[in-house]
Every structure is written in C-alpha cells, then in structure tokens.
Amino acid sequence: MTKTEQRIIDYAAEYMVKNGYPPTVRDITAELGYKSTSTVFEKLVKMRQDGIINYIDGSPRTLTVPGCCYVRFNPDGEEDQNDGE
C-alpha cells in the first residue's frame, strides 16, 4: 500500500468515526491537498481494484473500508453499527 493510500484509509476511518458516515471524494481531495477530484477518484478506483476499499459507483458517501467498524447513533439515540461490509 502506498503512503497516499494509507492516508486515504486513515482519513476515511477517522471521518467515519467522527461523523457516522463516509467522506466524499471532495472531502478526501481537500484533506490530501489535491486540486482535482479526478486524481483522488483514480486512486480510489485502484484501491477498490486492489480490494483495499469498496464503494458504489455514482453514489456519494458509500466508501467502506473492509475491517473498519464505526458506530453512529440513529435519531432515536440507539446505536447502529457499520462493519465496513
């Protein structure tokens, strides 16, 4: 895994824990200091091909990191878990 890929994983995991949902490509682009979302998108495509992450094409905030579990609370205050699958 490259350093950039690791930075993306670290940021995505931290973002998901903090916010309860995954970051967008724009969020990741801003965090890494890139100017173009296409650069980050190309990296995400490669990471998905390598099995490092997964996401649904054309849908924002669907990025998952296998093995990464984050917890969020639904409007009723009950805990929901997402195990990255």
Protein backbone atom coordinates (compact mmCIF):
# COMPACT_ATOMS: atom_id res chain seq x y z
CA MET A 1 0.00 0.00 0.00
CA THR A 2 1.33 3.45 -0.88
CA LYS A 3 1.63 6.30 1.60
CA THR A 4 -1.19 8.13 -0.17
CA GLU A 5 -3.43 5.08 0.01
CA GLN A 6 -2.68 4.79 3.73
CA ARG A 7 -3.52 8.47 4.20
CA ILE A 8 -6.85 7.91 2.45
CA ILE A 9 -7.63 4.90 4.66
CA ASP A 10 -6.65 6.76 7.84
CA TYR A 11 -8.67 9.82 6.90
CA ALA A 12 -11.73 7.80 5.84
CA ALA A 13 -11.72 5.77 9.05
CA GLU A 14 -11.29 8.88 11.22
CA TYR A 15 -14.00 10.71 9.27
CA MET A 16 -16.45 7.81 9.61
CA VAL A 17 -15.93 7.53 13.36
CA LYS A 18 -16.31 11.28 13.83
CA ASN A 19 -19.29 11.84 11.50
CA GLY A 20 -21.05 8.48 11.33
CA TYR A 21 -20.84 8.34 7.54
CA PRO A 22 -18.08 8.13 4.92
CA PRO A 23 -16.33 11.11 3.34
CA THR A 24 -16.99 12.20 -0.24
CA VAL A 25 -14.32 12.33 -2.92
CA ARG A 26 -14.29 16.12 -2.42
CA ASP A 27 -13.68 15.67 1.31
CA ILE A 28 -10.73 13.38 0.62
CA THR A 29 -9.40 15.72 -2.08
CA ALA A 30 -9.41 18.65 0.33
CA GLU A 31 -7.79 16.62 3.12
CA LEU A 32 -4.95 15.43 0.89
CA GLY A 33 -4.41 18.89 -0.57
CA TYR A 34 -5.16 17.96 -4.18
CA LYS A 35 -6.86 20.40 -6.52
CA SER A 36 -8.61 17.84 -8.70
CA THR A 37 -11.15 15.27 -7.57
CA SER A 38 -10.24 13.16 -10.60
CA THR A 39 -6.78 12.48 -9.13
CA VAL A 40 -8.33 11.16 -5.92
CA PHE A 41 -11.00 9.25 -7.83
CA GLU A 42 -8.31 7.44 -9.84
CA LYS A 43 -6.60 6.46 -6.58
CA LEU A 44 -9.93 5.20 -5.18
CA VAL A 45 -10.57 3.13 -8.31
CA LYS A 46 -7.15 1.48 -7.96
CA MET A 47 -7.72 0.89 -4.24
CA ARG A 48 -11.06 -0.77 -4.99
CA GLN A 49 -9.46 -2.96 -7.66
CA ASP A 50 -6.82 -3.97 -5.10
CA GLY A 51 -9.53 -4.81 -2.52
CA ILE A 52 -8.41 -2.10 -0.09
CA ILE A 53 -11.76 -0.26 -0.14
CA ASN A 54 -15.18 -0.56 -1.68
CA TYR A 55 -17.86 1.87 -2.83
CA ILE A 56 -20.93 2.01 -5.06
CA ASP A 57 -20.36 3.71 -8.41
CA GLY A 58 -22.15 7.03 -8.79
CA SER A 59 -23.29 7.20 -5.17
CA PRO A 60 -21.70 9.63 -2.74
CA ARG A 61 -20.72 8.58 0.77
CA THR A 62 -20.68 4.84 0.06
CA LEU A 63 -16.97 4.27 0.68
CA THR A 64 -16.27 1.36 3.00
CA VAL A 65 -13.02 0.05 4.40
CA PRO A 66 -13.08 -3.72 4.97
CA GLY A 67 -12.46 -4.43 8.63
CA CYS A 68 -13.20 -0.86 9.71
CA CYS A 69 -16.14 -0.60 12.06
CA TYR A 70 -17.69 2.70 13.01
CA VAL A 71 -20.61 3.48 15.26
CA ARG A 72 -23.27 6.08 14.73
CA PHE A 73 -26.47 6.87 16.55
CA ASN A 74 -29.83 6.93 14.85
CA PRO A 75 -32.36 9.69 15.63
CA ASP A 76 -33.81 7.61 18.50
CA GLY A 77 -30.42 7.60 20.22
CA GLU A 78 -29.88 3.89 19.58
CA GLU A 79 -26.55 2.65 18.35
CA ASP A 80 -26.20 1.47 14.74
CA GLN A 81 -23.03 -0.26 13.60
CA ASN A 82 -21.43 -0.44 10.20
CA ASP A 83 -18.72 -3.05 9.92
CA GLY A 84 -17.39 -1.92 6.53
CA GLU A 85 -19.08 -4.66 4.56
